[in-house]
Protein backbone atom coordinates (compact mmCIF):
# COMPACT_ATOMS: atom_id res chain seq x y z
CA UNK A 1 -17.44 -4.54 22.28
CA UNK A 2 -14.93 -2.93 24.42
CA UNK A 3 -12.30 -4.18 22.58
CA UNK A 4 -14.36 -3.11 19.23
CA UNK A 5 -15.29 0.52 20.02
CA UNK A 6 -12.16 0.62 21.97
CA UNK A 7 -9.85 -0.59 18.21
CA UNK A 8 -11.86 2.18 16.28
CA UNK A 9 -11.18 5.29 18.78
CA UNK A 10 -7.53 5.06 18.61
CA UNK A 11 -7.36 4.40 14.81
CA UNK A 12 -10.30 7.52 13.99
CA UNK A 13 -8.32 9.63 16.68
CA UNK A 14 -4.86 8.36 17.03
CA UNK A 15 -3.62 7.34 13.74
CA UNK A 16 -6.20 8.16 11.56
CA UNK A 17 -7.26 12.25 12.76
CA UNK A 18 -3.90 13.00 15.18
CA UNK A 19 -1.35 11.76 13.03
CA UNK A 20 -1.87 11.67 8.96
CA UNK A 21 -3.75 14.26 9.21
CA UNK A 22 -2.48 17.11 12.36
CA UNK A 23 0.80 15.77 12.46
CA UNK A 24 2.04 14.09 9.27
CA UNK A 25 0.06 16.26 6.55
CA UNK A 26 -0.20 19.24 8.71
CA UNK A 27 3.37 19.60 9.51
CA UNK A 28 4.87 18.80 6.18
CA UNK A 29 2.98 21.02 3.67
CA UNK A 30 2.53 23.71 6.18
CA UNK A 31 6.61 23.61 5.83
CA UNK A 32 6.56 23.12 1.71
CA UNK A 33 3.99 25.68 1.21
CA UNK A 34 5.88 28.16 4.19
CA UNK A 35 9.27 28.01 3.08
CA UNK A 36 9.90 26.77 -0.40
CA UNK A 37 8.70 28.92 -3.45
CA UNK A 38 6.34 27.18 -5.98
CA UNK A 39 8.69 25.90 -8.30
CA UNK A 40 11.28 24.31 -5.49
CA UNK A 41 11.18 19.97 -6.78
CA UNK A 42 11.05 19.00 -3.94
CA UNK A 43 7.30 21.14 -3.28
CA UNK A 44 6.47 20.34 -6.97
CA UNK A 45 6.56 16.29 -5.33
CA UNK A 46 5.07 17.22 -2.65
CA UNK A 47 1.83 18.92 -4.46
CA UNK A 48 -0.06 16.05 -5.04
CA UNK A 49 0.11 14.17 -2.11
CA UNK A 50 0.01 18.23 0.21
CA UNK A 51 -3.14 18.86 -2.75
CA UNK A 52 -6.72 20.36 -0.60
CA UNK A 53 -5.05 19.18 2.93
CA UNK A 54 -5.55 22.46 4.18
CA UNK A 55 -8.74 22.68 3.31
CA UNK A 56 -10.04 19.67 4.47
CA UNK A 57 -8.58 19.87 8.07
CA UNK A 58 -9.94 23.51 8.18
CA UNK A 59 -13.52 21.56 8.06
CA UNK A 60 -12.53 18.88 10.02
CA UNK A 61 -12.78 21.71 12.94
CA UNK A 62 -15.83 21.96 12.51
CA UNK A 63 -17.30 18.25 11.78
CA UNK A 64 -15.42 16.09 12.97
CA UNK A 65 -13.19 17.45 16.08
CA UNK A 66 -16.10 20.17 17.87
CA UNK A 67 -18.09 18.85 21.44
CA UNK A 68 -21.28 17.10 20.16
CA UNK A 69 -19.31 16.08 16.36
CA UNK A 70 -18.90 13.24 14.11
CA UNK A 71 -15.93 11.47 15.61
CA UNK A 72 -17.55 12.35 19.68
CA UNK A 73 -21.15 11.45 18.57
CA UNK A 74 -19.29 8.44 16.97
CA UNK A 75 -17.99 7.03 20.33
CA UNK A 76 -18.99 6.70 23.78
CA UNK A 77 -16.50 8.52 25.23
CA UNK A 78 -17.41 11.95 27.15
CA UNK A 79 -15.73 15.31 24.95
CA UNK A 80 -13.11 16.14 27.90
CA UNK A 81 -12.39 12.51 27.16
CA UNK A 82 -11.99 12.82 23.21
CA UNK A 83 -10.31 16.04 24.13
CA UNK A 84 -7.33 13.60 25.87
CA UNK A 85 -7.57 10.81 23.95
CA UNK A 86 -6.86 13.83 21.21
CA UNK A 87 -3.75 15.13 23.28
CA UNK A 88 -2.54 11.85 24.01
CA UNK A 89 -1.97 10.64 20.39
CA UNK A 90 0.63 14.16 19.59
CA UNK A 91 2.72 12.23 22.05
CA UNK A 92 2.21 8.59 20.60
CA UNK A 93 3.85 8.79 17.06
CA UNK A 94 7.38 8.54 16.47
CA UNK A 95 8.75 9.04 13.18
CA UNK A 96 10.11 6.16 11.41
CA UNK A 97 10.24 5.19 7.89
CA UNK A 98 7.59 2.36 6.53
CA UNK A 99 10.64 -0.84 7.12
CA UNK A 100 10.91 0.90 10.24
CA UNK A 101 7.55 0.62 11.28
CA UNK A 102 6.80 -3.10 10.63
CA UNK A 103 10.50 -4.09 12.68
CA UNK A 104 9.21 -1.96 15.11
CA UNK A 105 6.00 -4.25 15.23
CA UNK A 106 8.08 -7.49 14.18
CA UNK A 107 5.87 -8.38 11.46
CA UNK A 108 8.22 -8.80 8.64
CA UNK A 109 8.65 -11.81 9.78
CA UNK A 110 5.48 -12.51 9.17
CA UNK A 111 4.62 -11.15 6.17
CA UNK A 112 3.09 -14.39 4.23
CA UNK A 113 0.12 -14.19 6.91
CA UNK A 114 -0.05 -10.48 6.64
CA UNK A 115 -1.09 -8.80 3.77
CA UNK A 116 -1.07 -5.23 5.60
CA UNK A 117 2.86 -5.36 6.21
CA UNK A 118 3.55 -7.55 2.80
CA UNK A 119 1.65 -4.80 1.07
CA UNK A 120 2.88 -1.64 3.37
CA UNK A 121 6.60 -2.21 2.52
CA UNK A 122 5.77 -3.48 -1.12
CA UNK A 123 4.35 0.65 -1.61
CA UNK A 124 6.79 2.15 0.42
CA UNK A 125 9.36 0.87 -1.64
CA UNK A 126 8.39 1.92 -4.65
CA UNK A 127 7.05 5.44 -3.40
CA UNK A 128 10.94 5.58 -2.14
CA UNK A 129 12.51 4.58 -5.24
CA UNK A 130 10.21 7.42 -7.28
CA UNK A 131 11.98 10.05 -4.34
CA UNK A 132 15.37 9.23 -5.04
CA UNK A 133 15.21 8.98 -9.01
CA UNK A 134 13.26 12.00 -8.46
CA UNK A 135 15.30 13.99 -6.07
CA UNK A 136 18.76 13.24 -7.92
CA UNK A 137 17.01 13.93 -10.97
CA UNK A 138 17.12 18.06 -8.84
CA UNK A 139 19.95 17.45 -6.33
CA UNK A 140 23.57 15.89 -6.94
CA UNK A 141 25.17 14.17 -4.35
CA UNK A 142 24.63 16.52 -1.05
CA UNK A 143 23.78 20.13 -3.40
CA UNK A 144 20.30 19.37 -1.02
CA UNK A 145 22.08 20.52 2.05
CA UNK A 146 22.99 23.65 0.71
CA UNK A 147 19.52 24.67 -0.64
CA UNK A 148 17.99 27.39 1.68
CA UNK A 149 14.62 26.20 1.20
CA UNK A 150 15.14 22.55 2.15
CA UNK A 151 17.12 23.86 5.36
CA UNK A 152 13.97 26.06 6.57
CA UNK A 153 12.17 23.32 5.25
CA UNK A 154 13.46 20.68 7.34
CA UNK A 155 14.34 22.71 10.42
CA UNK A 156 10.25 24.02 10.17
CA UNK A 157 9.26 19.98 10.32
CA UNK A 158 11.52 18.93 13.13
CA UNK A 159 10.32 22.14 14.61
CA UNK A 160 6.38 21.14 14.48
CA UNK A 161 6.51 18.33 17.10
CA UNK A 162 9.65 17.30 18.98
CA UNK A 163 8.35 14.54 20.67
CA UNK A 164 8.13 13.30 16.76
CA UNK A 165 12.54 12.44 16.71
CA UNK A 166 12.42 13.57 13.17
CA UNK A 167 16.66 12.79 11.87
CA UNK A 168 19.55 15.09 11.55
CA UNK A 169 19.27 16.31 7.56
CA UNK A 170 20.95 14.15 5.34
CA UNK A 171 20.40 13.00 1.45
CA UNK A 172 19.31 9.46 2.67
CA UNK A 173 16.90 11.52 5.27
CA UNK A 174 15.51 13.57 3.35
CA UNK A 175 14.82 11.28 0.68
CA UNK A 176 13.61 9.04 3.67
CA UNK A 177 11.32 10.79 5.29
CA UNK A 178 9.56 12.11 1.78
CA UNK A 179 9.16 9.03 1.37
CA UNK A 180 7.34 8.20 4.32
CA UNK A 181 5.28 11.33 4.23
CA UNK A 182 3.63 10.12 0.69
CA UNK A 183 3.28 6.48 1.91
CA UNK A 184 1.61 8.47 5.41
CA UNK A 185 -0.31 10.03 2.48
CA UNK A 186 -2.21 7.79 0.67
CA UNK A 187 -1.56 3.80 1.54
CA UNK A 188 -1.44 4.44 5.78
CA UNK A 189 -4.09 7.23 4.85
CA UNK A 190 -6.61 4.14 2.54
CA UNK A 191 -6.00 2.04 5.83
CA UNK A 192 -7.29 3.95 8.15
CA UNK A 193 -8.73 6.48 7.21
CA UNK A 194 -11.26 3.14 5.66
């Protein structure tokens, strides 16, 4: 029972609320809205995946996060302990693509027995192909590395939480980060949010 409760709090607090919503969703949404015009190709790519992020996260501050809110009441933690869990969760997130995540968890060899890894990689690869194709339609070669809106967007995402470790801007890193963002707010969100 203690293990099940701990797993639930870890998944709900660290993976779902803090990682997917507060860090990944918030920072990419804020950066795209703050530093890219409404017609910028990258902002248009991200729009379906950032839709209502601000509203959902704002509403969570009233329903999920406060003392005696849904998360507090759904756990056995004191509010002080829950607040400490929120704070500790911020330091847990590290940037990596889905293939890197699966390699880190040493799960690649387990794909036949671990459907989550198989599905995660399949979804990521489809998203990566979509992002690569989309970016190549708007930015030839390294033109995106000279786009002032992309430069400001990337700087904002990188500075949001330094412990996450967003890499230096390159074409490959931008495409990988965009694909990873889309994977996180769709596939990962479904897995940890359900």
